Protein backbone atom coordinates (compact mmCIF):
# COMPACT_ATOMS: atom_id res chain seq x y z
CA MET A 1 -4.85 -14.22 -22.98
CA THR A 2 -4.38 -12.00 -19.91
CA LYS A 3 -4.94 -13.57 -16.51
CA ASN A 4 -6.73 -11.48 -13.93
CA LEU A 5 -4.45 -12.23 -10.99
CA PRO A 6 -5.34 -11.07 -7.51
CA PRO A 7 -3.42 -8.04 -6.25
CA MET A 8 -0.18 -8.78 -4.43
CA HIS A 9 -0.68 -8.58 -0.69
CA PRO A 10 2.15 -7.03 1.35
CA GLY A 11 2.21 -10.20 3.44
CA GLU A 12 3.22 -12.15 0.34
CA VAL A 13 6.13 -9.77 -0.20
CA LEU A 14 7.16 -10.09 3.45
CA ARG A 15 7.02 -13.88 3.29
CA GLU A 16 8.58 -14.44 -0.15
CA GLU A 17 11.14 -11.64 -0.27
CA PHE A 18 12.23 -11.45 3.36
CA LEU A 19 11.27 -14.31 5.67
CA ILE A 20 11.99 -17.23 3.34
CA PRO A 21 15.33 -15.90 2.00
CA LEU A 22 16.43 -14.97 5.51
CA GLY A 23 15.32 -18.33 6.91
CA MET A 24 13.40 -16.38 9.55
CA SER A 25 10.16 -17.33 11.26
CA ALA A 26 7.28 -14.94 11.79
CA GLY A 27 7.85 -15.30 15.52
CA LYS A 28 11.50 -14.26 15.31
CA LEU A 29 10.63 -11.22 13.19
CA ALA A 30 7.80 -10.30 15.54
CA LYS A 31 10.17 -10.45 18.51
CA ALA A 32 12.71 -8.26 16.70
CA CYS A 33 9.95 -5.74 15.94
CA GLY A 34 8.43 -5.80 19.41
CA LEU A 35 5.14 -7.13 18.04
CA PRO A 36 2.87 -10.04 18.92
CA ARG A 37 3.77 -13.15 16.91
CA THR A 38 0.16 -13.39 15.73
CA ARG A 39 0.34 -9.98 14.03
CA ILE A 40 3.17 -11.09 11.76
CA GLU A 41 1.60 -14.53 11.24
CA ARG A 42 -1.71 -12.99 10.14
CA LEU A 43 0.16 -10.62 7.86
CA VAL A 44 2.22 -13.30 6.11
CA ASN A 45 -0.92 -15.46 5.80
CA GLU A 46 -2.58 -12.47 4.08
CA GLN A 47 -5.34 -12.29 6.68
CA THR A 48 -4.62 -8.72 7.74
CA GLY A 49 -3.01 -5.64 6.28
CA ILE A 50 -0.09 -3.42 7.20
CA THR A 51 -0.70 -0.61 9.67
CA ALA A 52 1.50 2.46 9.97
CA ASP A 53 2.85 1.07 13.25
CA THR A 54 3.77 -2.24 11.63
CA ALA A 55 5.25 -0.48 8.60
CA LEU A 56 7.55 1.59 10.80
CA ARG A 57 8.70 -1.48 12.71
CA LEU A 58 9.23 -3.61 9.59
CA GLY A 59 11.12 -0.76 7.94
CA ARG A 60 13.50 -0.55 10.86
CA ALA A 61 13.99 -4.30 11.29
CA LEU A 62 14.37 -5.10 7.59
CA LYS A 63 16.29 -1.97 6.54
CA THR A 64 13.52 -0.76 4.26
CA THR A 65 11.22 2.21 4.77
CA ALA A 66 7.76 2.53 6.24
CA ASP A 67 6.72 4.02 2.90
CA PHE A 68 7.71 0.81 1.13
CA TRP A 69 5.28 -1.21 3.25
CA MET A 70 2.51 1.39 3.20
CA ASN A 71 2.77 1.74 -0.59
CA LEU A 72 2.39 -2.03 -0.98
CA GLN A 73 -0.70 -1.93 1.25
CA ASN A 74 -2.20 1.08 -0.54
CA ARG A 75 -1.65 -0.50 -3.95
CA CYS A 76 -3.31 -3.72 -2.78
CA ASP A 77 -6.26 -1.86 -1.23
CA ILE A 78 -6.85 0.23 -4.35
CA ARG A 79 -6.75 -2.79 -6.66
CA VAL A 80 -9.15 -4.74 -4.46
CA ALA A 81 -11.54 -1.78 -4.32
CA ALA A 82 -11.30 -1.22 -8.09
CA ARG A 83 -12.30 -4.84 -8.70
CA GLU A 84 -15.22 -4.52 -6.32
CA ILE A 85 -16.65 -1.25 -7.65
CA GLY A 86 -15.31 -1.28 -11.22
CA PRO A 87 -18.71 -1.11 -12.97
CA GLU A 88 -19.80 1.75 -10.70
CA LEU A 89 -16.60 3.70 -11.42
CA LYS A 90 -17.26 3.58 -15.16
CA LYS A 91 -20.58 5.37 -14.57
CA ILE A 92 -18.95 8.34 -12.82
CA LYS A 93 -18.51 11.41 -15.01
CA PRO A 94 -15.79 13.98 -14.20
CA VAL A 95 -17.19 17.11 -12.55
CA ILE A 96 -14.31 19.41 -13.51
CA GLU A 97 -12.74 20.21 -16.86
CA GLU A 98 -9.23 18.95 -17.65
CA ASP A 99 -7.60 22.40 -17.47
CA GLU A 100 -9.17 22.92 -14.00
CA ALA A 101 -7.50 19.73 -12.69
CA ALA A 102 -4.00 21.13 -13.20
C-alpha cells in the first residue's frame, strides 16, 4: 500500500541535512547569512518558504546553489497545489495537439 506523504518542505532539508549534522542553530546560520533569526527559524519549522534572497544566502553559506533551494521550494509548491486542485486538473483537456507542443 502506498502512503500519500506530504511533500518535503525545503525547511526540512535545511534542518535535517545541514543544521543537525553541522550542530548549528538557526540563529548561527541566520547570522552567517545576514538574516533575521526568525526567518531561518520559520523556515526550519516549515512555516514559511524559501525566497530568492534566502536561496542566494543559503547557497553561499552552505556551499550549495540558489537553484538547489529554489528547486526544493518549487517542487514543494507544485506538489501542494496538485493535491489541492487535483480533481480540477483531471477535467482540463489539452488545447493543442501533441505535434504542436514540440
